[in-house]
PDB file of N, CA and C in Angstrom:
ATOM      1  N   MET A   1      -2.753   1.625 -16.609  1.00  0.00           N
ATOM      2  CA  MET A   1      -3.109   1.658 -15.640  1.00  0.00           C
ATOM      3  C   MET A   1      -2.592   1.663 -14.377  1.00  0.00           C
ATOM      4  N   VAL A   2      -3.649   2.290 -13.546  1.00  0.00           N
ATOM      5  CA  VAL A   2      -3.690   2.541 -11.794  1.00  0.00           C
ATOM      6  C   VAL A   2      -4.218   1.848 -11.244  1.00  0.00           C
ATOM      7  N   PHE A   3      -3.212   1.262  -9.858  1.00  0.00           N
ATOM      8  CA  PHE A   3      -4.212   0.512  -9.105  1.00  0.00           C
ATOM      9  C   PHE A   3      -4.809   1.439  -7.754  1.00  0.00           C
ATOM     10  N   ASP A   4      -5.733   1.492  -7.364  1.00  0.00           N
ATOM     11  CA  ASP A   4      -5.854   2.433  -6.760  1.00  0.00           C
ATOM     12  C   ASP A   4      -6.329   1.834  -5.350  1.00  0.00           C
ATOM     13  N   THR A   5      -5.604   2.327  -4.209  1.00  0.00           N
ATOM     14  CA  THR A   5      -4.876   1.124  -3.034  1.00  0.00           C
ATOM     15  C   THR A   5      -5.700   2.852  -1.590  1.00  0.00           C
ATOM     16  N   GLN A   6      -6.113   3.811  -2.587  1.00  0.00           N
ATOM     17  CA  GLN A   6      -6.344   5.246  -1.304  1.00  0.00           C
ATOM     18  C   GLN A   6      -7.261   5.158  -1.581  1.00  0.00           C
ATOM     19  N   GLY A   7      -8.401   5.534  -3.072  1.00  0.00           N
ATOM     20  CA  GLY A   7      -9.700   5.863  -2.865  1.00  0.00           C
ATOM     21  C   GLY A   7      -9.685   7.630  -2.757  1.00  0.00           C
ATOM     22  N   GLY A   8     -10.879   8.222  -3.065  1.00  0.00           N
ATOM     23  CA  GLY A   8     -11.171   9.472  -2.496  1.00  0.00           C
ATOM     24  C   GLY A   8     -10.513  10.623  -3.636  1.00  0.00           C
ATOM     25  N   GLU A   9      -9.633  12.000  -3.103  1.00  0.00           N
ATOM     26  CA  GLU A   9      -9.240  12.486  -3.855  1.00  0.00           C
ATOM     27  C   GLU A   9      -7.984  11.701  -4.561  1.00  0.00           C
ATOM     28  N   THR A  10      -7.024  10.792  -4.461  1.00  0.00           N
ATOM     29  CA  THR A  10      -6.281   9.904  -4.399  1.00  0.00           C
ATOM     30  C   THR A  10      -6.348   9.450  -6.068  1.00  0.00           C
ATOM     31  N   GLN A  11      -7.714   9.077  -6.002  1.00  0.00           N
ATOM     32  CA  GLN A  11      -8.849   7.606  -7.012  1.00  0.00           C
ATOM     33  C   GLN A  11      -9.249   8.888  -8.063  1.00  0.00           C
ATOM     34  N   THR A  12      -9.492  10.356  -8.124  1.00  0.00           N
ATOM     35  CA  THR A  12     -10.192  11.425  -9.201  1.00  0.00           C
ATOM     36  C   THR A  12      -8.952  11.599  -9.374  1.00  0.00           C
ATOM     37  N   ARG A  13      -7.622  11.870  -9.384  1.00  0.00           N
ATOM     38  CA  ARG A  13      -6.248  12.503  -9.594  1.00  0.00           C
ATOM     39  C   ARG A  13      -6.196  11.149 -10.431  1.00  0.00           C
ATOM     40  N   SER A  14      -6.683  10.436  -9.979  1.00  0.00           N
ATOM     41  CA  SER A  14      -5.800   9.316 -11.283  1.00  0.00           C
ATOM     42  C   SER A  14      -5.818   9.064 -12.499  1.00  0.00           C
ATOM     43  N   TYR A  15      -7.192   8.971 -12.628  1.00  0.00           N
ATOM     44  CA  TYR A  15      -8.256   9.945 -13.786  1.00  0.00           C
ATOM     45  C   TYR A  15      -7.498   9.897 -15.348  1.00  0.00           C
ATOM     46  N   ALA A  16      -6.272  11.305 -14.678  1.00  0.00           N
ATOM     47  CA  ALA A  16      -5.812  11.906 -15.288  1.00  0.00           C
ATOM     48  C   ALA A  16      -4.125  11.133 -15.549  1.00  0.00           C
ATOM     49  N   SER A  17      -4.157  10.355 -15.064  1.00  0.00           N
ATOM     50  CA  SER A  17      -2.716   9.545 -15.743  1.00  0.00           C
ATOM     51  C   SER A  17      -2.889   8.486 -16.589  1.00  0.00           C
ATOM     52  N   LEU A  18      -4.004   8.402 -16.977  1.00  0.00           N
ATOM     53  CA  LEU A  18      -4.509   7.476 -17.297  1.00  0.00           C
ATOM     54  C   LEU A  18      -3.998   7.292 -19.265  1.00  0.00           C
ATOM     55  N   LYS A  19      -3.981   6.647 -20.193  1.00  0.00           N
ATOM     56  CA  LYS A  19      -4.509   6.612 -21.289  1.00  0.00           C
ATOM     57  C   LYS A  19      -5.831   6.461 -21.911  1.00  0.00           C
ATOM     58  N   LYS A  20      -6.097   7.098 -23.145  1.00  0.00           N
ATOM     59  CA  LYS A  20      -7.298   6.418 -23.270  1.00  0.00           C
ATOM     60  C   LYS A  20      -7.116   4.880 -23.597  1.00  0.00           C
ATOM     61  N   GLY A  21      -8.119   4.781 -23.180  1.00  0.00           N
ATOM     62  CA  GLY A  21      -8.451   2.890 -22.973  1.00  0.00           C
ATOM     63  C   GLY A  21      -7.835   2.075 -22.304  1.00  0.00           C
ATOM     64  N   GLY A  22      -7.229   3.126 -21.015  1.00  0.00           N
ATOM     65  CA  GLY A  22      -6.762   2.339 -19.461  1.00  0.00           C
ATOM     66  C   GLY A  22      -7.735   1.382 -18.958  1.00  0.00           C
ATOM     67  N   ILE A  23      -7.020   1.265 -17.535  1.00  0.00           N
ATOM     68  CA  ILE A  23      -7.797   1.129 -16.555  1.00  0.00           C
ATOM     69  C   ILE A  23      -7.620   1.472 -15.057  1.00  0.00           C
ATOM     70  N   LEU A  24      -8.714   1.499 -14.712  1.00  0.00           N
ATOM     71  CA  LEU A  24      -8.819   1.978 -13.153  1.00  0.00           C
ATOM     72  C   LEU A  24      -8.879   1.381 -12.240  1.00  0.00           C
ATOM     73  N   VAL A  25      -7.402   0.563 -10.971  1.00  0.00           N
ATOM     74  CA  VAL A  25      -8.540  -1.318 -10.791  1.00  0.00           C
ATOM     75  C   VAL A  25      -8.589  -0.100  -8.873  1.00  0.00           C
ATOM     76  N   SER A  26      -9.726  -0.419  -8.496  1.00  0.00           N
ATOM     77  CA  SER A  26      -9.611   0.109  -6.861  1.00  0.00           C
ATOM     78  C   SER A  26      -9.454  -0.860  -5.590  1.00  0.00           C
ATOM     79  N   ILE A  27      -9.062  -0.879  -4.647  1.00  0.00           N
ATOM     80  CA  ILE A  27      -9.958  -2.093  -3.935  1.00  0.00           C
ATOM     81  C   ILE A  27     -10.432  -1.443  -2.867  1.00  0.00           C
ATOM     82  N   VAL A  28     -10.235  -0.144  -3.457  1.00  0.00           N
ATOM     83  CA  VAL A  28     -10.848   0.520  -1.390  1.00  0.00           C
ATOM     84  C   VAL A  28     -11.982   1.404  -1.919  1.00  0.00           C
ATOM     85  N   GLN A  29     -13.002   1.803  -3.052  1.00  0.00           N
ATOM     86  CA  GLN A  29     -14.109   2.256  -2.882  1.00  0.00           C
ATOM     87  C   GLN A  29     -14.599   1.963  -4.388  1.00  0.00           C
ATOM     88  N   PRO A  30     -15.631   2.129  -4.831  1.00  0.00           N
ATOM     89  CA  PRO A  30     -16.197   1.676  -5.912  1.00  0.00           C
ATOM     90  C   PRO A  30     -15.756   2.669  -6.727  1.00  0.00           C
ATOM     91  N   PRO A  31     -15.117   3.455  -7.614  1.00  0.00           N
ATOM     92  CA  PRO A  31     -14.678   3.960  -8.749  1.00  0.00           C
ATOM     93  C   PRO A  31     -15.811   4.904  -9.694  1.00  0.00           C
ATOM     94  N   SER A  32     -15.974   5.674 -10.124  1.00  0.00           N
ATOM     95  CA  SER A  32     -17.167   7.094 -10.413  1.00  0.00           C
ATOM     96  C   SER A  32     -16.939   6.283 -11.944  1.00  0.00           C
ATOM     97  N   GLN A  33     -18.125   5.587 -12.545  1.00  0.00           N
ATOM     98  CA  GLN A  33     -18.130   5.107 -13.767  1.00  0.00           C
ATOM     99  C   GLN A  33     -18.659   6.712 -15.198  1.00  0.00           C
ATOM    100  N   ASP A  34     -19.130   7.397 -14.400  1.00  0.00           N
ATOM    101  CA  ASP A  34     -19.209   8.930 -15.221  1.00  0.00           C
ATOM    102  C   ASP A  34     -17.610   9.316 -15.743  1.00  0.00           C
ATOM    103  N   GLU A  35     -16.954   9.690 -14.624  1.00  0.00           N
ATOM    104  CA  GLU A  35     -15.420   9.909 -14.126  1.00  0.00           C
ATOM    105  C   GLU A  35     -14.683   9.348 -15.380  1.00  0.00           C
ATOM    106  N   ALA A  36     -14.683   7.563 -15.067  1.00  0.00           N
ATOM    107  CA  ALA A  36     -14.427   6.988 -15.932  1.00  0.00           C
ATOM    108  C   ALA A  36     -14.330   7.455 -17.653  1.00  0.00           C
ATOM    109  N   ALA A  37     -15.650   7.385 -17.742  1.00  0.00           N
ATOM    110  CA  ALA A  37     -16.271   7.930 -18.718  1.00  0.00           C
ATOM    111  C   ALA A  37     -15.499   8.976 -19.574  1.00  0.00           C
ATOM    112  N   ALA A  38     -15.493   9.982 -18.791  1.00  0.00           N
ATOM    113  CA  ALA A  38     -15.210  11.437 -19.098  1.00  0.00           C
ATOM    114  C   ALA A  38     -14.081  11.953 -19.854  1.00  0.00           C
ATOM    115  N   HIS A  39     -12.514  10.563 -18.928  1.00  0.00           N
ATOM    116  CA  HIS A  39     -11.382  10.095 -19.460  1.00  0.00           C
ATOM    117  C   HIS A  39     -11.918   9.451 -20.576  1.00  0.00           C
ATOM    118  N   GLY A  40     -12.516   8.255 -21.240  1.00  0.00           N
ATOM    119  CA  GLY A  40     -12.248   7.838 -22.179  1.00  0.00           C
ATOM    120  C   GLY A  40     -11.503   6.313 -21.346  1.00  0.00           C
ATOM    121  N   VAL A  41     -11.746   5.992 -20.144  1.00  0.00           N
ATOM    122  CA  VAL A  41     -10.986   5.051 -19.867  1.00  0.00           C
ATOM    123  C   VAL A  41     -11.976   4.375 -19.154  1.00  0.00           C
ATOM    124  N   ARG A  42     -11.856   3.023 -18.268  1.00  0.00           N
ATOM    125  CA  ARG A  42     -12.791   1.751 -17.667  1.00  0.00           C
ATOM    126  C   ARG A  42     -12.168   1.523 -16.310  1.00  0.00           C
ATOM    127  N   ALA A  43     -13.424   1.875 -16.018  1.00  0.00           N
ATOM    128  CA  ALA A  43     -12.471   1.329 -13.866  1.00  0.00           C
ATOM    129  C   ALA A  43     -13.511   0.475 -13.135  1.00  0.00           C
ATOM    130  N   VAL A  44     -12.972   0.029 -11.923  1.00  0.00           N
ATOM    131  CA  VAL A  44     -13.442  -1.643 -11.887  1.00  0.00           C
ATOM    132  C   VAL A  44     -13.404  -1.478  -9.816  1.00  0.00           C
ATOM    133  N   LEU A  45     -13.759  -1.552  -9.575  1.00  0.00           N
ATOM    134  CA  LEU A  45     -13.220  -2.624  -7.889  1.00  0.00           C
ATOM    135  C   LEU A  45     -13.825  -3.642  -7.930  1.00  0.00           C
ATOM    136  N   ALA A  46     -11.928  -4.479  -7.642  1.00  0.00           N
ATOM    137  CA  ALA A  46     -11.651  -5.497  -7.297  1.00  0.00           C
ATOM    138  C   ALA A  46     -12.058  -6.141  -5.541  1.00  0.00           C
ATOM    139  N   VAL A  47     -12.863  -7.182  -5.849  1.00  0.00           N
ATOM    140  CA  VAL A  47     -13.342  -7.346  -4.434  1.00  0.00           C
ATOM    141  C   VAL A  47     -12.384  -9.041  -4.256  1.00  0.00           C
ATOM    142  N   ASN A  48     -12.160  -9.359  -3.664  1.00  0.00           N
ATOM    143  CA  ASN A  48     -11.149 -10.157  -3.155  1.00  0.00           C
ATOM    144  C   ASN A  48     -11.833 -11.354  -2.190  1.00  0.00           C
ATOM    145  N   GLN A  49     -11.921 -12.010  -1.983  1.00  0.00           N
ATOM    146  CA  GLN A  49     -13.288 -13.033  -1.052  1.00  0.00           C
ATOM    147  C   GLN A  49     -12.221 -14.364  -1.359  1.00  0.00           C
ATOM    148  N   ALA A  50     -10.998 -15.115  -0.427  1.00  0.00           N
ATOM    149  CA  ALA A  50     -10.568 -16.414   0.038  1.00  0.00           C
ATOM    150  C   ALA A  50     -11.388 -16.726   0.829  1.00  0.00           C
ATOM    151  N   ASP A  51     -10.814 -17.930   0.057  1.00  0.00           N
ATOM    152  CA  ASP A  51     -11.777 -19.197   0.514  1.00  0.00           C
ATOM    153  C   ASP A  51     -10.514 -20.500   1.645  1.00  0.00           C
ATOM    154  N   ALA A  52     -10.772 -21.275   1.692  1.00  0.00           N
ATOM    155  CA  ALA A  52     -10.127 -21.770   2.257  1.00  0.00           C
ATOM    156  C   ALA A  52      -8.394 -23.035   0.790  1.00  0.00           C
ATOM    157  N   GLU A  53      -9.786 -23.284   0.388  1.00  0.00           N
ATOM    158  CA  GLU A  53      -8.671 -23.680  -1.052  1.00  0.00           C
ATOM    159  C   GLU A  53      -7.794 -22.948  -1.858  1.00  0.00           C
ATOM    160  N   THR A  54      -8.483 -21.232  -2.064  1.00  0.00           N
ATOM    161  CA  THR A  54      -7.195 -20.169  -2.857  1.00  0.00           C
ATOM    162  C   THR A  54      -6.321 -20.412  -1.377  1.00  0.00           C
ATOM    163  N   LEU A  55      -6.208 -19.905  -0.285  1.00  0.00           N
ATOM    164  CA  LEU A  55      -5.509 -19.240   0.817  1.00  0.00           C
ATOM    165  C   LEU A  55      -4.439 -21.031   0.855  1.00  0.00           C
ATOM    166  N   ALA A  56      -4.765 -21.990   0.770  1.00  0.00           N
ATOM    167  CA  ALA A  56      -3.849 -23.741   0.641  1.00  0.00           C
ATOM    168  C   ALA A  56      -3.239 -23.072  -0.628  1.00  0.00           C
ATOM    169  N   LYS A  57      -3.515 -22.736  -1.816  1.00  0.00           N
ATOM    170  CA  LYS A  57      -3.312 -22.768  -2.896  1.00  0.00           C
ATOM    171  C   LYS A  57      -1.921 -21.163  -2.951  1.00  0.00           C
ATOM    172  N   LEU A  58      -1.994 -20.912  -2.255  1.00  0.00           N
ATOM    173  CA  LEU A  58      -1.428 -19.521  -2.081  1.00  0.00           C
ATOM    174  C   LEU A  58      -0.166 -19.950  -1.143  1.00  0.00           C
ATOM    175  N   GLY A  59      -0.494 -20.389   0.163  1.00  0.00           N
ATOM    176  CA  GLY A  59       0.144 -21.041   1.396  1.00  0.00           C
ATOM    177  C   GLY A  59       1.883 -21.869   0.618  1.00  0.00           C
ATOM    178  N   ALA A  60       1.136 -22.957  -0.379  1.00  0.00           N
ATOM    179  CA  ALA A  60       1.970 -23.282  -1.242  1.00  0.00           C
ATOM    180  C   ALA A  60       2.957 -23.197  -1.820  1.00  0.00           C
ATOM    181  N   LEU A  61       2.332 -22.300  -2.846  1.00  0.00           N
ATOM    182  CA  LEU A  61       3.327 -21.119  -3.787  1.00  0.00           C
ATOM    183  C   LEU A  61       4.248 -20.781  -2.800  1.00  0.00           C
ATOM    184  N   ALA A  62       3.995 -20.348  -1.624  1.00  0.00           N
ATOM    185  CA  ALA A  62       5.447 -19.390  -1.376  1.00  0.00           C
ATOM    186  C   ALA A  62       5.742 -20.295  -0.334  1.00  0.00           C
ATOM    187  N   GLU A  63       5.804 -21.582   0.557  1.00  0.00           N
ATOM    188  CA  GLU A  63       6.393 -22.074   0.617  1.00  0.00           C
ATOM    189  C   GLU A  63       7.261 -22.660  -0.247  1.00  0.00           C
ATOM    190  N   SER A  64       6.916 -23.406  -1.443  1.00  0.00           N
ATOM    191  CA  SER A  64       7.689 -22.804  -2.661  1.00  0.00           C
ATOM    192  C   SER A  64       8.817 -22.536  -3.384  1.00  0.00           C
ATOM    193  N   GLY A  65       8.520 -21.151  -2.557  1.00  0.00           N
ATOM    194  CA  GLY A  65       9.090 -19.675  -3.414  1.00  0.00           C
ATOM    195  C   GLY A  65       9.513 -19.578  -4.188  1.00  0.00           C
ATOM    196  N   LYS A  66       7.886 -19.810  -4.779  1.00  0.00           N
ATOM    197  CA  LYS A  66       6.957 -19.342  -6.585  1.00  0.00           C
ATOM    198  C   LYS A  66       6.584 -17.853  -6.308  1.00  0.00           C
ATOM    199  N   LEU A  67       6.309 -17.767  -5.133  1.00  0.00           N
ATOM    200  CA  LEU A  67       5.431 -16.531  -4.343  1.00  0.00           C
ATOM    201  C   LEU A  67       6.236 -15.959  -3.516  1.00  0.00           C
ATOM    202  N   LEU A  68       6.485 -14.535  -3.885  1.00  0.00           N
ATOM    203  CA  LEU A  68       7.348 -13.968  -2.923  1.00  0.00           C
ATOM    204  C   LEU A  68       6.514 -12.794  -2.032  1.00  0.00           C
ATOM    205  N   VAL A  69       7.149 -12.462  -1.150  1.00  0.00           N
ATOM    206  CA  VAL A  69       6.143 -12.014   0.160  1.00  0.00           C
ATOM    207  C   VAL A  69       7.146 -11.110   0.964  1.00  0.00           C
ATOM    208  N   SER A  70       6.626  -9.491   0.418  1.00  0.00           N
ATOM    209  CA  SER A  70       7.628  -8.843   0.606  1.00  0.00           C
ATOM    210  C   SER A  70       6.502  -8.257   2.402  1.00  0.00           C
ATOM    211  N   VAL A  71       7.439  -8.377   3.231  1.00  0.00           N
ATOM    212  CA  VAL A  71       7.633  -8.065   5.035  1.00  0.00           C
ATOM    213  C   VAL A  71       7.807  -6.957   5.440  1.00  0.00           C
ATOM    214  N   ASP A  72       7.366  -6.314   5.582  1.00  0.00           N
ATOM    215  CA  ASP A  72       7.983  -4.368   6.192  1.00  0.00           C
ATOM    216  C   ASP A  72       8.667  -5.043   7.687  1.00  0.00           C
ATOM    217  N   SER A  73       7.463  -5.548   8.037  1.00  0.00           N
ATOM    218  CA  SER A  73       7.346  -5.715   9.660  1.00  0.00           C
ATOM    219  C   SER A  73       7.192  -6.906  10.810  1.00  0.00           C
ATOM    220  N   VAL A  74       7.625  -7.047  11.725  1.00  0.00           N
ATOM    221  CA  VAL A  74       6.631  -8.201  11.952  1.00  0.00           C
ATOM    222  C   VAL A  74       6.513  -7.385  13.753  1.00  0.00           C
ATOM    223  N   LEU A  75       5.355  -7.456  14.191  1.00  0.00           N
ATOM    224  CA  LEU A  75       5.308  -6.318  15.609  1.00  0.00           C
ATOM    225  C   LEU A  75       4.460  -7.451  16.769  1.00  0.00           C
ATOM    226  N   PRO A  76       4.761  -7.089  17.906  1.00  0.00           N
ATOM    227  CA  PRO A  76       3.198  -8.325  18.010  1.00  0.00           C
ATOM    228  C   PRO A  76       2.217  -7.470  18.244  1.00  0.00           C
ATOM    229  N   PHE A  77       1.176  -8.715  18.841  1.00  0.00           N
ATOM    230  CA  PHE A  77      -0.736  -8.423  18.529  1.00  0.00           C
ATOM    231  C   PHE A  77      -0.661  -6.344  18.924  1.00  0.00           C
ATOM    232  N   HIS A  78       0.220  -6.642  20.814  1.00  0.00           N
ATOM    233  CA  HIS A  78       0.255  -5.132  20.972  1.00  0.00           C
ATOM    234  C   HIS A  78       0.694  -4.028  20.358  1.00  0.00           C
ATOM    235  N   GLY A  79       0.816  -4.002  19.410  1.00  0.00           N
ATOM    236  CA  GLY A  79       1.845  -3.345  18.133  1.00  0.00           C
ATOM    237  C   GLY A  79       1.013  -2.891  17.391  1.00  0.00           C
ATOM    238  N   VAL A  80      -0.744  -3.029  17.602  1.00  0.00           N
ATOM    239  CA  VAL A  80      -1.402  -2.425  16.477  1.00  0.00           C
ATOM    240  C   VAL A  80      -1.567  -1.026  15.954  1.00  0.00           C
ATOM    241  N   ALA A  81      -1.336  -0.243  17.345  1.00  0.00           N
ATOM    242  CA  ALA A  81      -1.101   1.344  17.284  1.00  0.00           C
ATOM    243  C   ALA A  81       0.661   1.749  16.443  1.00  0.00           C
ATOM    244  N   GLN A  82       1.228   1.071  16.951  1.00  0.00           N
ATOM    245  CA  GLN A  82       2.097   1.679  16.145  1.00  0.00           C
ATOM    246  C   GLN A  82       2.474   1.077  14.417  1.00  0.00           C
ATOM    247  N   ALA A  83       1.689  -0.331  14.403  1.00  0.00           N
ATOM    248  CA  ALA A  83       1.371  -0.604  12.216  1.00  0.00           C
ATOM    249  C   ALA A  83       0.616   0.294  11.765  1.00  0.00           C
ATOM    250  N   LEU A  84      -0.677   0.937  13.022  1.00  0.00           N
ATOM    251  CA  LEU A  84      -1.109   1.994  11.815  1.00  0.00           C
ATOM    252  C   LEU A  84      -0.472   3.275  11.872  1.00  0.00           C
ATOM    253  N   GLU A  85       0.266   3.799  12.613  1.00  0.00           N
ATOM    254  CA  GLU A  85       1.080   5.044  12.538  1.00  0.00           C
ATOM    255  C   GLU A  85       1.787   4.549  11.038  1.00  0.00           C
ATOM    256  N   LYS A  86       2.706   3.156  11.159  1.00  0.00           N
ATOM    257  CA  LYS A  86       3.540   3.326   9.781  1.00  0.00           C
ATOM    258  C   LYS A  86       2.398   3.257   8.383  1.00  0.00           C
ATOM    259  N   ILE A  87       1.551   2.753   8.731  1.00  0.00           N
ATOM    260  CA  ILE A  87       0.593   2.899   7.171  1.00  0.00           C
ATOM    261  C   ILE A  87       0.321   3.864   7.516  1.00  0.00           C
ATOM    262  N   GLU A  88       0.142   4.863   7.758  1.00  0.00           N
ATOM    263  CA  GLU A  88      -0.322   6.283   8.259  1.00  0.00           C
ATOM    264  C   GLU A  88       0.897   7.275   7.341  1.00  0.00           C
ATOM    265  N   ARG A  89       1.942   6.746   7.341  1.00  0.00           N
ATOM    266  CA  ARG A  89       3.047   8.130   7.084  1.00  0.00           C
ATOM    267  C   ARG A  89       3.622   7.357   5.981  1.00  0.00           C
ATOM    268  N   GLY A  90       2.586   6.244   5.210  1.00  0.00           N
ATOM    269  CA  GLY A  90       2.792   5.430   3.433  1.00  0.00           C
ATOM    270  C   GLY A  90       4.510   5.175   3.341  1.00  0.00           C
ATOM    271  N   HIS A  91       5.344   5.036   4.224  1.00  0.00           N
ATOM    272  CA  HIS A  91       6.743   4.839   4.159  1.00  0.00           C
ATOM    273  C   HIS A  91       6.855   3.200   4.240  1.00  0.00           C
ATOM    274  N   THR A  92       6.003   2.303   4.240  1.00  0.00           N
ATOM    275  CA  THR A  92       5.986   0.570   4.578  1.00  0.00           C
ATOM    276  C   THR A  92       6.786   0.020   2.956  1.00  0.00           C
ATOM    277  N   ARG A  93       7.263  -1.246   3.281  1.00  0.00           N
ATOM    278  CA  ARG A  93       7.185  -0.920   1.841  1.00  0.00           C
ATOM    279  C   ARG A  93       7.355  -2.815   2.042  1.00  0.00           C
ATOM    280  N   GLY A  94       5.897  -3.623   1.890  1.00  0.00           N
ATOM    281  CA  GLY A  94       6.079  -4.630   1.732  1.00  0.00           C
ATOM    282  C   GLY A  94       4.381  -4.717   3.110  1.00  0.00           C
ATOM    283  N   LYS A  95       3.939  -5.853   3.516  1.00  0.00           N
ATOM    284  CA  LYS A  95       3.585  -5.725   4.657  1.00  0.00           C
ATOM    285  C   LYS A  95       3.494  -5.717   6.287  1.00  0.00           C
ATOM    286  N   ILE A  96       2.714  -5.474   6.762  1.00  0.00           N
ATOM    287  CA  ILE A  96       2.955  -5.253   8.231  1.00  0.00           C
ATOM    288  C   ILE A  96       2.532  -6.956   8.712  1.00  0.00           C
ATOM    289  N   VAL A  97       2.667  -7.414   9.965  1.00  0.00           N
ATOM    290  CA  VAL A  97       2.177  -8.558  10.042  1.00  0.00           C
ATOM    291  C   VAL A  97       2.360  -8.379  12.260  1.00  0.00           C
ATOM    292  N   LEU A  98       1.377  -8.846  12.188  1.00  0.00           N
ATOM    293  CA  LEU A  98       0.825  -8.841  13.567  1.00  0.00           C
ATOM    294  C   LEU A  98       1.171  -9.821  14.053  1.00  0.00           C
ATOM    295  N   ARG A  99       1.976 -10.235  14.976  1.00  0.00           N
ATOM    296  CA  ARG A  99       2.169 -11.605  15.468  1.00  0.00           C
ATOM    297  C   ARG A  99       0.974 -12.447  17.120  1.00  0.00           C
ATOM    298  N   VAL A 100      -0.160 -13.010  16.224  1.00  0.00           N
ATOM    299  CA  VAL A 100      -0.879 -13.567  17.758  1.00  0.00           C
ATOM    300  C   VAL A 100      -0.334 -14.547  18.349  1.00  0.00           C
ATOM    301  N   PRO A 101      -0.580 -14.294  19.812  1.00  0.00           N
ATOM    302  CA  PRO A 101       0.273 -14.706  21.329  1.00  0.00           C
ATOM    303  C   PRO A 101      -0.593 -16.522  20.542  1.00  0.00           C
TER     304      PRO A 101
END
């Protein structure tokens, strides 16, 4: 399985790393079904639409310690530019949280 968070050329190169029957799951762009067929794999776009009930369940799991969230850093809301720079460098380990006043 490949979990694609980049799209573009990274997604295209990812097909070669899959074994026959594998799956590429993208969260950024619809994968090419022709490319998937050529490599003998499946490819899907995962779209998540959270609703209030789902978010409440996730919150409860996080509070109970059953769902662990990895936080790279917490920045003030005006630190958006800094957060984007960190993401672009690609060296974050976890989520970047922006604190809203």
